[in-house]
Structure formats: structure tokens, C-alpha cells
């Protein structure tokens, strides 16, 4: 499905880190999202709209040219790599190791 769409829109009113948005990015989709939860850390500022503001969403859609779509698709594909399972596992392991070492240091 995601391979056959032109633009993915995440119109959340409230959100954590939307996995569906990351999935769309990993497929090279240009994305537009509301400015809630974890969306701002994923979506380019230029393509974020105020939650519940349909007029702001329309403005963002109108500014999405073919060139911008291509640039966003490339940007999103690269950004989504940070959420790959292997990358997340690596970062998680590094965090736990650092945490365990800091606990060991506090015993002194």
C-alpha cells in the first residue's frame, strides 16, 4: 500500500512516536504530519501542520511540489533507518551498558 501512495499524512490529535509514520518514511514516502507527540522529531518543519487545523494542512499540501516530494522522500528514507530494529537494539544495548557501568561506579 505505502509503495503506491504519493504522500502520507499523519493527522493525529495526540500521539507518541507513530510507527505508521516511520513505516511510510521507510518506504520513501513524503510525509506531512500534525505537530503533536513524537511527530515533530520525524517530519520536516515545513511539512508539519497545527493539530485540528485543516486550513494549515491544505497549505502544506499546496506547497508540496514534485521536487520537494522527491527531496522529502530521500530525507525520510534516510531518517527512518534510525528506527531499524538492529539500530534500535544497538542503541538500547549501549544505553543499558552505560547505565550498568554508572550503577557500578556509584558503589564507590
Protein backbone atom coordinates (compact mmCIF):
# COMPACT_ATOMS: atom_id res chain seq x y z
CA UNK A 1 0.00 0.00 0.00
CA UNK A 2 2.65 2.53 1.01
CA UNK A 3 4.61 1.91 -2.18
CA UNK A 4 1.62 3.13 -4.20
CA UNK A 5 0.78 6.42 -2.48
CA UNK A 6 2.06 9.91 -3.32
CA UNK A 7 2.01 11.48 0.16
CA UNK A 8 1.42 10.02 3.63
CA UNK A 9 -0.47 12.25 6.10
CA UNK A 10 -0.48 11.64 9.87
CA UNK A 11 -3.30 13.91 11.17
CA UNK A 12 -3.01 12.90 14.82
CA UNK A 13 -4.63 14.92 17.59
CA UNK A 14 -2.39 13.22 20.15
CA UNK A 15 0.45 10.82 19.52
CA UNK A 16 3.50 9.07 20.87
CA UNK A 17 6.00 8.06 18.24
CA UNK A 18 3.80 6.95 15.34
CA UNK A 19 5.09 3.68 13.93
CA UNK A 20 2.89 4.04 10.84
CA UNK A 21 4.64 7.31 10.04
CA UNK A 22 8.07 5.68 10.41
CA UNK A 23 6.89 2.83 8.15
CA UNK A 24 5.80 5.32 5.48
CA UNK A 25 9.15 7.09 5.76
CA UNK A 26 11.00 3.78 5.43
CA UNK A 27 9.22 3.23 2.12
CA UNK A 28 10.40 6.61 0.82
CA UNK A 29 7.08 8.41 1.13
CA UNK A 30 6.98 12.17 1.51
CA UNK A 31 5.07 12.81 4.75
CA UNK A 32 3.00 15.57 6.31
CA UNK A 33 2.09 15.40 9.98
CA UNK A 34 0.45 17.30 12.78
CA UNK A 35 2.64 19.00 15.38
CA UNK A 36 1.92 16.63 18.28
CA UNK A 37 3.81 13.98 20.25
CA UNK A 38 6.81 12.47 18.50
CA UNK A 39 5.82 13.66 15.03
CA UNK A 40 7.97 16.84 15.13
CA UNK A 41 11.12 14.78 15.61
CA UNK A 42 10.30 12.87 12.42
CA UNK A 43 8.71 15.33 9.99
CA UNK A 44 10.36 18.36 8.38
CA UNK A 45 9.12 21.58 9.98
CA UNK A 46 7.98 22.75 6.55
CA UNK A 47 5.52 19.84 6.39
CA UNK A 48 4.04 19.96 9.88
CA UNK A 49 0.61 21.45 10.47
CA UNK A 50 -1.16 22.55 13.63
CA UNK A 51 -3.35 19.80 15.06
CA UNK A 52 -7.02 20.08 14.15
CA UNK A 53 -6.19 22.84 11.62
CA UNK A 54 -7.44 21.69 8.22
CA UNK A 55 -6.50 25.01 6.63
CA UNK A 56 -2.88 24.63 7.74
CA UNK A 57 -2.89 21.07 6.32
CA UNK A 58 -4.19 22.39 2.99
CA UNK A 59 -1.41 25.00 2.91
CA UNK A 60 1.19 22.24 3.47
CA UNK A 61 -0.32 20.12 0.70
CA UNK A 62 -0.25 23.06 -1.72
CA UNK A 63 3.46 23.68 -1.06
CA UNK A 64 4.39 20.05 -1.80
CA UNK A 65 5.91 20.29 -5.29
CA UNK A 66 7.36 17.31 -7.16
CA UNK A 67 10.87 18.49 -6.29
CA UNK A 68 10.02 18.83 -2.59
CA UNK A 69 8.32 15.42 -2.67
CA UNK A 70 11.48 13.83 -4.05
CA UNK A 71 13.70 15.60 -1.50
CA UNK A 72 11.41 14.62 1.36
CA UNK A 73 11.20 11.03 0.15
CA UNK A 74 15.00 10.77 0.22
CA UNK A 75 15.26 12.55 3.59
CA UNK A 76 12.56 10.36 5.13
CA UNK A 77 14.09 7.14 3.84
CA UNK A 78 17.42 8.04 5.48
CA UNK A 79 15.80 9.24 8.72
CA UNK A 80 13.76 6.04 9.04
CA UNK A 81 16.97 3.99 9.13
CA UNK A 82 17.47 5.17 12.72
CA UNK A 83 14.36 3.15 13.63
CA UNK A 84 15.56 -0.11 12.11
CA UNK A 85 15.35 -2.96 14.63
CA UNK A 86 19.09 -3.65 14.52
CA UNK A 87 19.89 0.03 15.03
CA UNK A 88 17.42 0.31 17.92
CA UNK A 89 18.79 -2.87 19.52
CA UNK A 90 22.32 -1.50 19.26
CA UNK A 91 21.35 1.84 20.82
CA UNK A 92 19.37 0.10 23.56
CA UNK A 93 22.31 -2.20 24.40
CA UNK A 94 24.69 0.76 24.53
CA UNK A 95 22.30 2.59 26.87
CA UNK A 96 21.94 -0.40 29.20
CA UNK A 97 25.70 -0.89 29.24
CA UNK A 98 26.28 2.78 30.09
CA UNK A 99 23.58 2.59 32.78
CA UNK A 100 25.04 -0.58 34.31
CA UNK A 101 28.52 0.99 34.35
CA UNK A 102 27.18 4.12 36.06
CA UNK A 103 25.49 1.97 38.73
CA UNK A 104 28.77 0.16 39.31
CA UNK A 105 30.57 3.50 39.71
CA UNK A 106 28.11 4.67 42.38
CA UNK A 107 29.12 1.85 44.76
CA UNK A 108 32.44 3.58 45.48
